[in-house]
C-alpha atoms as a PDB file:
ATOM      1  CA  MET A   1     -42.384   9.372 -51.088  1.00  0.00           C
ATOM      2  CA  ARG A   2     -42.937  10.988 -47.707  1.00  0.00           C
ATOM      3  CA  GLN A   3     -43.537   7.600 -46.078  1.00  0.00           C
ATOM      4  CA  SER A   4     -40.390   6.100 -47.588  1.00  0.00           C
ATOM      5  CA  GLY A   5     -38.500   9.216 -46.553  1.00  0.00           C
ATOM      6  CA  ARG A   6     -39.710   8.831 -42.961  1.00  0.00           C
ATOM      7  CA  ALA A   7     -38.807   5.136 -42.979  1.00  0.00           C
ATOM      8  CA  PHE A   8     -35.349   5.957 -44.272  1.00  0.00           C
ATOM      9  CA  SER A   9     -34.875   8.548 -41.528  1.00  0.00           C
ATOM     10  CA  MET A  10     -35.856   5.997 -38.879  1.00  0.00           C
ATOM     11  CA  ILE A  11     -33.347   3.543 -40.282  1.00  0.00           C
ATOM     12  CA  GLU A  12     -30.678   6.232 -40.199  1.00  0.00           C
ATOM     13  CA  LEU A  13     -31.613   7.021 -36.604  1.00  0.00           C
ATOM     14  CA  LEU A  14     -31.333   3.368 -35.628  1.00  0.00           C
ATOM     15  CA  VAL A  15     -27.932   3.172 -37.308  1.00  0.00           C
ATOM     16  CA  VAL A  16     -26.762   6.280 -35.437  1.00  0.00           C
ATOM     17  CA  ILE A  17     -28.013   4.868 -32.133  1.00  0.00           C
ATOM     18  CA  SER A  18     -26.273   1.561 -32.813  1.00  0.00           C
ATOM     19  CA  LEU A  19     -23.014   3.316 -33.685  1.00  0.00           C
ATOM     20  CA  ALA A  20     -23.280   5.456 -30.559  1.00  0.00           C
ATOM     21  CA  ALA A  21     -23.771   2.346 -28.431  1.00  0.00           C
ATOM     22  CA  VAL A  22     -20.705   0.733 -30.000  1.00  0.00           C
ATOM     23  CA  LEU A  23     -18.620   3.874 -29.413  1.00  0.00           C
ATOM     24  CA  ILE A  24     -19.733   4.075 -25.794  1.00  0.00           C
ATOM     25  CA  ALA A  25     -18.847   0.413 -25.278  1.00  0.00           C
ATOM     26  CA  ILE A  26     -15.399   1.084 -26.740  1.00  0.00           C
ATOM     27  CA  LEU A  27     -14.706   4.357 -24.939  1.00  0.00           C
ATOM     28  CA  LEU A  28     -16.025   3.573 -21.452  1.00  0.00           C
ATOM     29  CA  PRO A  29     -13.161   1.196 -20.565  1.00  0.00           C
ATOM     30  CA  ALA A  30     -10.703   3.807 -21.838  1.00  0.00           C
ATOM     31  CA  PHE A  31     -12.302   6.483 -19.652  1.00  0.00           C
ATOM     32  CA  ALA A  32     -12.304   4.107 -16.692  1.00  0.00           C
ATOM     33  CA  GLY A  33      -8.641   3.347 -17.324  1.00  0.00           C
ATOM     34  CA  SER A  34      -7.778   7.038 -17.451  1.00  0.00           C
ATOM     35  CA  ARG A  35      -9.642   7.620 -14.205  1.00  0.00           C
ATOM     36  CA  SER A  36      -7.839   4.715 -12.573  1.00  0.00           C
ATOM     37  CA  THR A  37      -4.470   6.082 -13.751  1.00  0.00           C
ATOM     38  CA  ALA A  38      -5.245   9.499 -12.288  1.00  0.00           C
ATOM     39  CA  LEU A  39      -6.154   7.929  -8.936  1.00  0.00           C
ATOM     40  CA  ARG A  40      -2.956   5.866  -8.968  1.00  0.00           C
ATOM     41  CA  ILE A  41      -1.032   9.132  -9.323  1.00  0.00           C
ATOM     42  CA  ILE A  42      -2.866  10.540  -6.301  1.00  0.00           C
ATOM     43  CA  SER A  43      -2.042   7.404  -4.312  1.00  0.00           C
ATOM     44  CA  ALA A  44       1.634   7.717  -5.273  1.00  0.00           C
ATOM     45  CA  SER A  45       1.604  11.367  -4.211  1.00  0.00           C
ATOM     46  CA  GLN A  46       0.174  10.398  -0.828  1.00  0.00           C
ATOM     47  CA  LEU A  47       2.943   7.837  -0.388  1.00  0.00           C
ATOM     48  CA  ARG A  48       5.498  10.613  -0.949  1.00  0.00           C
ATOM     49  CA  GLN A  49       3.789  12.685   1.741  1.00  0.00           C
ATOM     50  CA  ILE A  50       3.943   9.714   4.089  1.00  0.00           C
ATOM     51  CA  GLY A  51       7.616   9.312   3.227  1.00  0.00           C
ATOM     52  CA  LEU A  52       8.261  12.800   4.587  1.00  0.00           C
ATOM     53  CA  HIS A  53       6.839  11.751   7.954  1.00  0.00           C
ATOM     54  CA  PHE A  54       8.958   8.615   7.986  1.00  0.00           C
ATOM     55  CA  GLY A  55      12.002  10.716   7.171  1.00  0.00           C
ATOM     56  CA  GLU A  56      11.235  13.058  10.084  1.00  0.00           C
ATOM     57  CA  TYR A  57      10.679  10.109  12.413  1.00  0.00           C
ATOM     58  CA  VAL A  58      13.971   8.443  11.475  1.00  0.00           C
ATOM     59  CA  HIS A  59      15.821  11.753  11.790  1.00  0.00           C
ATOM     60  CA  GLU A  60      14.395  12.398  15.264  1.00  0.00           C
ATOM     61  CA  THR A  61      14.646   8.874  16.698  1.00  0.00           C
ATOM     62  CA  GLY A  62      17.573   7.400  14.789  1.00  0.00           C
ATOM     63  CA  GLY A  63      15.613   4.378  13.601  1.00  0.00           C
ATOM     64  CA  TYR A  64      12.480   3.036  11.917  1.00  0.00           C
ATOM     65  CA  PRO A  65       9.266   2.614  13.932  1.00  0.00           C
ATOM     66  CA  PHE A  66       8.368  -0.543  15.823  1.00  0.00           C
ATOM     67  CA  ALA A  67       5.915  -1.181  18.636  1.00  0.00           C
ATOM     68  CA  GLY A  68       6.814  -1.493  22.287  1.00  0.00           C
ATOM     69  CA  GLU A  69       5.138  -4.252  24.280  1.00  0.00           C
ATOM     70  CA  GLY A  70       2.221  -2.972  26.348  1.00  0.00           C
ATOM     71  CA  VAL A  71       2.620   0.618  25.116  1.00  0.00           C
ATOM     72  CA  PHE A  72      -0.471   2.626  24.160  1.00  0.00           C
ATOM     73  CA  TYR A  73      -0.322   4.862  21.086  1.00  0.00           C
ATOM     74  CA  PRO A  74      -2.621   7.433  19.431  1.00  0.00           C
ATOM     75  CA  GLY A  75      -5.547   5.772  17.661  1.00  0.00           C
ATOM     76  CA  ALA A  76      -7.355   6.881  14.528  1.00  0.00           C
ATOM     77  CA  CYS A  77     -10.292   8.195  16.607  1.00  0.00           C
ATOM     78  CA  GLU A  78      -9.617  11.396  18.496  1.00  0.00           C
ATOM     79  CA  GLY A  79      -8.727  10.835  22.142  1.00  0.00           C
ATOM     80  CA  VAL A  80      -8.422   7.053  21.754  1.00  0.00           C
ATOM     81  CA  ARG A  81      -5.219   5.222  22.709  1.00  0.00           C
ATOM     82  CA  ILE A  82      -4.506   1.736  21.381  1.00  0.00           C
ATOM     83  CA  SER A  83      -2.071  -1.114  21.905  1.00  0.00           C
ATOM     84  CA  PHE A  84      -1.403  -3.847  19.364  1.00  0.00           C
ATOM     85  CA  GLY A  85       0.728  -6.898  18.745  1.00  0.00           C
ATOM     86  CA  TYR A  86       4.336  -6.497  17.703  1.00  0.00           C
ATOM     87  CA  TRP A  87       3.840  -7.401  14.045  1.00  0.00           C
ATOM     88  CA  GLY A  88       0.661  -5.321  13.913  1.00  0.00           C
ATOM     89  CA  ALA A  89       2.798  -2.270  13.218  1.00  0.00           C
ATOM     90  CA  ASP A  90       2.506  -3.117   9.521  1.00  0.00           C
ATOM     91  CA  LEU A  91      -0.941  -1.439   9.497  1.00  0.00           C
ATOM     92  CA  HIS A  92      -0.797   0.420  12.824  1.00  0.00           C
ATOM     93  CA  TRP A  93       2.335   2.367  11.852  1.00  0.00           C
ATOM     94  CA  PRO A  94       0.468   5.737  11.811  1.00  0.00           C
ATOM     95  CA  SER A  95       0.064   5.348  15.590  1.00  0.00           C
ATOM     96  CA  LEU A  96       3.853   5.079  15.873  1.00  0.00           C
ATOM     97  CA  VAL A  97       4.841   7.791  13.421  1.00  0.00           C
ATOM     98  CA  LEU A  98       2.166  10.435  13.966  1.00  0.00           C
ATOM     99  CA  SER A  99       1.233  12.315  17.111  1.00  0.00           C
ATOM    100  CA  ASP A 100      -2.434  12.867  18.021  1.00  0.00           C
ATOM    101  CA  GLN A 101      -2.413  16.246  16.275  1.00  0.00           C
ATOM    102  CA  GLN A 102      -0.645  14.934  13.177  1.00  0.00           C
ATOM    103  CA  TYR A 103      -3.039  11.991  12.960  1.00  0.00           C
ATOM    104  CA  ASP A 104      -5.974  14.357  12.658  1.00  0.00           C
ATOM    105  CA  ALA A 105      -4.210  16.659  10.186  1.00  0.00           C
ATOM    106  CA  TYR A 106      -2.895  13.935   7.877  1.00  0.00           C
ATOM    107  CA  ASN A 107      -5.654  11.340   8.129  1.00  0.00           C
ATOM    108  CA  SER A 108      -6.695  12.080   4.521  1.00  0.00           C
ATOM    109  CA  TYR A 109      -3.286  10.904   3.279  1.00  0.00           C
ATOM    110  CA  LEU A 110      -3.655   7.530   4.966  1.00  0.00           C
ATOM    111  CA  LEU A 111      -6.409   6.203   2.699  1.00  0.00           C
ATOM    112  CA  ALA A 112      -6.039   5.599  -1.026  1.00  0.00           C
ATOM    113  CA  PRO A 113      -8.613   7.275  -3.296  1.00  0.00           C
ATOM    114  CA  ARG A 114     -12.086   5.671  -3.058  1.00  0.00           C
ATOM    115  CA  ALA A 115     -11.195   3.679   0.040  1.00  0.00           C
ATOM    116  CA  ILE A 116     -14.235   3.131   2.255  1.00  0.00           C
ATOM    117  CA  ARG A 117     -14.125   2.675   6.034  1.00  0.00           C
ATOM    118  CA  ASN A 118     -16.667   2.181   8.778  1.00  0.00           C
ATOM    119  CA  PRO A 119     -17.103   5.609  10.458  1.00  0.00           C
ATOM    120  CA  GLU A 120     -16.619   3.927  13.826  1.00  0.00           C
ATOM    121  CA  MET A 121     -13.083   3.013  12.720  1.00  0.00           C
ATOM    122  CA  CYS A 122     -12.194   6.670  11.998  1.00  0.00           C
ATOM    123  CA  GLY A 123     -10.294   5.776   8.822  1.00  0.00           C
ATOM    124  CA  HIS A 124      -8.453   2.728  10.179  1.00  0.00           C
ATOM    125  CA  PRO A 125      -6.755   0.752   8.745  1.00  0.00           C
ATOM    126  CA  THR A 126      -4.545   2.732   6.415  1.00  0.00           C
ATOM    127  CA  SER A 127      -4.318   1.750   2.723  1.00  0.00           C
ATOM    128  CA  TYR A 128      -0.513   1.802   2.939  1.00  0.00           C
ATOM    129  CA  ILE A 129       1.173  -1.180   4.532  1.00  0.00           C
ATOM    130  CA  TYR A 130       4.584  -0.979   6.216  1.00  0.00           C
ATOM    131  CA  SER A 131       7.068  -3.719   5.354  1.00  0.00           C
ATOM    132  CA  ARG A 132       7.611  -6.068   8.285  1.00  0.00           C
ATOM    133  CA  SER A 133      11.272  -6.228   7.253  1.00  0.00           C
ATOM    134  CA  PHE A 134      11.681  -3.038   9.307  1.00  0.00           C
ATOM    135  CA  LEU A 135      10.325  -4.631  12.486  1.00  0.00           C
ATOM    136  CA  ALA A 136      13.232  -6.991  13.157  1.00  0.00           C
ATOM    137  CA  ARG A 137      16.956  -7.249  12.679  1.00  0.00           C
ATOM    138  CA  PRO A 138      18.188  -8.548   9.296  1.00  0.00           C
ATOM    139  CA  ALA A 139      19.281 -11.833  10.893  1.00  0.00           C
ATOM    140  CA  ASN A 140      15.589 -12.650  11.442  1.00  0.00           C
ATOM    141  CA  TRP A 141      15.449 -13.635   7.768  1.00  0.00           C
ATOM    142  CA  ARG A 142      18.405 -15.984   7.693  1.00  0.00           C
ATOM    143  CA  SER A 143      16.761 -19.295   6.949  1.00  0.00           C
ATOM    144  CA  GLY A 144      17.444 -22.349   9.053  1.00  0.00           C
ATOM    145  CA  GLU A 145      18.385 -20.577  12.285  1.00  0.00           C
ATOM    146  CA  ALA A 146      16.578 -20.862  15.620  1.00  0.00           C
ATOM    147  CA  PRO A 147      14.147 -18.180  16.916  1.00  0.00           C
ATOM    148  CA  ASP A 148      15.777 -15.322  18.814  1.00  0.00           C
ATOM    149  CA  PRO A 149      13.569 -12.728  20.590  1.00  0.00           C
ATOM    150  CA  SER A 150      16.454 -10.257  20.695  1.00  0.00           C
ATOM    151  CA  LEU A 151      15.947  -9.759  16.946  1.00  0.00           C
ATOM    152  CA  LEU A 152      12.585  -8.048  17.550  1.00  0.00           C
ATOM    153  CA  ARG A 153      13.686  -4.455  17.414  1.00  0.00           C
ATOM    154  CA  GLY A 154      13.711  -1.765  14.774  1.00  0.00           C
ATOM    155  CA  VAL A 155      16.381  -1.062  12.232  1.00  0.00           C
ATOM    156  CA  ARG A 156      18.537   1.947  11.404  1.00  0.00           C
ATOM    157  CA  ASP A 157      19.589   3.482   8.115  1.00  0.00           C
ATOM    158  CA  ALA A 158      22.984   1.815   8.467  1.00  0.00           C
ATOM    159  CA  ASP A 159      21.270  -1.600   8.302  1.00  0.00           C
ATOM    160  CA  ILE A 160      19.775  -0.877   4.884  1.00  0.00           C
ATOM    161  CA  ALA A 161      22.108  -2.031   2.154  1.00  0.00           C
ATOM    162  CA  HIS A 162      20.068  -1.041  -0.931  1.00  0.00           C
ATOM    163  CA  PRO A 163      17.799   1.987  -0.254  1.00  0.00           C
ATOM    164  CA  SER A 164      16.608   2.180  -3.870  1.00  0.00           C
ATOM    165  CA  GLY A 165      15.681  -1.526  -3.964  1.00  0.00           C
ATOM    166  CA  LYS A 166      13.989  -2.058  -0.588  1.00  0.00           C
ATOM    167  CA  ALA A 167      10.254  -1.378  -0.304  1.00  0.00           C
ATOM    168  CA  LEU A 168       9.157   0.633   2.731  1.00  0.00           C
ATOM    169  CA  LEU A 169       5.384   1.029   2.196  1.00  0.00           C
ATOM    170  CA  TRP A 170       2.917   0.342  -0.595  1.00  0.00           C
ATOM    171  CA  ASP A 171      -0.765   0.610  -1.490  1.00  0.00           C
ATOM    172  CA  TRP A 172      -2.140  -2.825  -0.566  1.00  0.00           C
ATOM    173  CA  GLU A 173      -5.762  -1.919  -1.243  1.00  0.00           C
ATOM    174  CA  LEU A 174      -5.992  -0.287  -4.718  1.00  0.00           C
ATOM    175  CA  PRO A 175      -9.667   0.651  -4.141  1.00  0.00           C
ATOM    176  CA  TYR A 176      -9.749   2.662  -7.362  1.00  0.00           C
ATOM    177  CA  LEU A 177      -9.335  -0.378  -9.609  1.00  0.00           C
ATOM    178  CA  PRO A 178     -12.636  -1.200 -11.405  1.00  0.00           C
ATOM    179  CA  ARG A 179     -12.304  -4.938 -10.644  1.00  0.00           C
ATOM    180  CA  GLU A 180     -11.249  -7.407  -7.981  1.00  0.00           C
ATOM    181  CA  LEU A 181      -7.568  -7.589  -7.131  1.00  0.00           C
ATOM    182  CA  VAL A 182      -5.488 -10.435  -8.542  1.00  0.00           C
ATOM    183  CA  PHE A 183      -3.102 -12.402  -6.306  1.00  0.00           C
ATOM    184  CA  GLN A 184      -0.502 -15.068  -6.870  1.00  0.00           C
ATOM    185  CA  GLY A 185      -0.486 -17.063  -3.684  1.00  0.00           C
ATOM    186  CA  ARG A 186      -0.299 -14.533  -0.838  1.00  0.00           C
ATOM    187  CA  ASP A 187       1.269 -11.834  -2.993  1.00  0.00           C
ATOM    188  CA  LEU A 188      -0.500  -9.038  -4.849  1.00  0.00           C
ATOM    189  CA  ALA A 189      -0.162  -9.529  -8.609  1.00  0.00           C
ATOM    190  CA  GLU A 190      -1.266  -5.981  -9.488  1.00  0.00           C
ATOM    191  CA  LYS A 191       1.068  -3.092 -10.138  1.00  0.00           C
ATOM    192  CA  THR A 192       0.817  -0.774  -7.162  1.00  0.00           C
ATOM    193  CA  PRO A 193       2.604   2.404  -6.034  1.00  0.00           C
ATOM    194  CA  ILE A 194       5.539   1.449  -3.789  1.00  0.00           C
ATOM    195  CA  LEU A 195       7.586   3.829  -1.638  1.00  0.00           C
ATOM    196  CA  PHE A 196      11.226   2.763  -1.440  1.00  0.00           C
ATOM    197  CA  VAL A 197      13.681   3.639   1.314  1.00  0.00           C
ATOM    198  CA  ASP A 198      15.362   6.336  -0.779  1.00  0.00           C
ATOM    199  CA  MET A 199      11.893   7.966  -0.984  1.00  0.00           C
ATOM    200  CA  HIS A 200      11.221   7.401  -4.675  1.00  0.00           C
ATOM    201  CA  VAL A 201       7.843   5.902  -5.638  1.00  0.00           C
ATOM    202  CA  LYS A 202       7.445   3.411  -8.455  1.00  0.00           C
ATOM    203  CA  GLU A 203       4.677   1.081  -9.583  1.00  0.00           C
ATOM    204  CA  ARG A 204       5.646  -2.559  -9.312  1.00  0.00           C
ATOM    205  CA  ALA A 205       3.779  -5.824  -8.750  1.00  0.00           C
ATOM    206  CA  PRO A 206       4.684  -7.335  -5.347  1.00  0.00           C
ATOM    207  CA  HIS A 207       4.529 -10.884  -6.715  1.00  0.00           C
ATOM    208  CA  GLU A 208       7.488  -9.994  -8.965  1.00  0.00           C
ATOM    209  CA  ALA A 209       9.681  -9.091  -5.982  1.00  0.00           C
ATOM    210  CA  THR A 210      12.463 -11.283  -4.627  1.00  0.00           C
ATOM    211  CA  ALA A 211      11.165 -14.631  -3.357  1.00  0.00           C
ATOM    212  CA  PRO A 212      10.625 -14.478   0.433  1.00  0.00           C
ATOM    213  CA  VAL A 213      12.153 -16.575   3.205  1.00  0.00           C
ATOM    214  CA  GLN A 214      10.643 -17.722   6.478  1.00  0.00           C
ATOM    215  CA  SER A 215      10.933 -15.356   9.419  1.00  0.00           C
ATOM    216  CA  ARG A 216      12.620 -16.859  12.483  1.00  0.00           C
ATOM    217  CA  MET A 217      10.220 -15.049  14.826  1.00  0.00           C
ATOM    218  CA  ARG A 218       6.945 -15.090  12.875  1.00  0.00           C
ATOM    219  CA  PRO A 219       5.470 -18.515  12.039  1.00  0.00           C
ATOM    220  CA  GLU A 220       3.018 -17.323   9.344  1.00  0.00           C
ATOM    221  CA  PRO A 221       3.841 -18.229   5.711  1.00  0.00           C
ATOM    222  CA  PRO A 222       6.263 -15.689   4.217  1.00  0.00           C
ATOM    223  CA  GLN A 223       5.264 -12.870   1.856  1.00  0.00           C
ATOM    224  CA  ARG A 224       7.251 -10.888  -0.673  1.00  0.00           C
ATOM    225  CA  LEU A 225       8.280  -7.356   0.382  1.00  0.00           C
ATOM    226  CA  HIS A 226       7.672  -8.342   4.037  1.00  0.00           C
ATOM    227  CA  ASP A 227      10.001 -11.329   4.286  1.00  0.00           C
ATOM    228  CA  THR A 228      12.853 -10.263   2.047  1.00  0.00           C
ATOM    229  CA  PRO A 229      15.956 -12.462   2.328  1.00  0.00           C
ATOM    230  CA  GLY A 230      18.216 -10.561   4.706  1.00  0.00           C
ATOM    231  CA  GLY A 231      15.401  -8.240   5.779  1.00  0.00           C
ATOM    232  CA  VAL A 232      16.297  -4.593   5.204  1.00  0.00           C
ATOM    233  CA  ALA A 233      19.762  -5.679   4.113  1.00  0.00           C
ATOM    234  CA  GLY A 234      18.185  -7.422   1.120  1.00  0.00           C
ATOM    235  CA  VAL A 235      16.679  -6.258  -2.171  1.00  0.00           C
ATOM    236  CA  ASP A 236      13.051  -6.471  -3.266  1.00  0.00           C
ATOM    237  CA  PHE A 237      13.490  -5.267  -6.867  1.00  0.00           C
END
């Protein structure tokens, strides 16, 4: 009887172990999903903080940031000054918006949770991309018209027709997702925190935004949120 009792206990133990393994397999994705949701919230919060800096910049300068040709700006590494191409402001915008001191103080807001960078890059590039719609006049996105270099200048609040529907910045990286990102063509097919011009943040999938049009001054294939019909005068969502 003792032997059969011991055998029965071993069977029970195996059953318990099997059930525990099944429960772990079921619960782990749920825990991972909860963790990912929490990190999305942090990313959205950081976008709101960035929005405050954009608001200050627009208030002080009267317009949205764009790069001057041949101008050197604060880099991510202390004491470093950098220059970049005109359209490079989409990821170099911190150099335009933040002073050297602000760059150091707010560098932690510029990377989404779990983002990894080479230490030599000092946190560059940021996880939050700036819509190229703000780097040229709205007429730049009127299809069928000839290139016009005079369109390459920043925009003002008065140019923005739909502040609650035009994306300003968004998390392009999503490093906290437990899988590879999904794209449709050139556009991110994942829901990501997006900061709109009116400073509200909402999760939307860029590939669901208004279909883009070709820029008159940028020959690369168009992307949603960047190449909105009408530029900042248009609507993304």
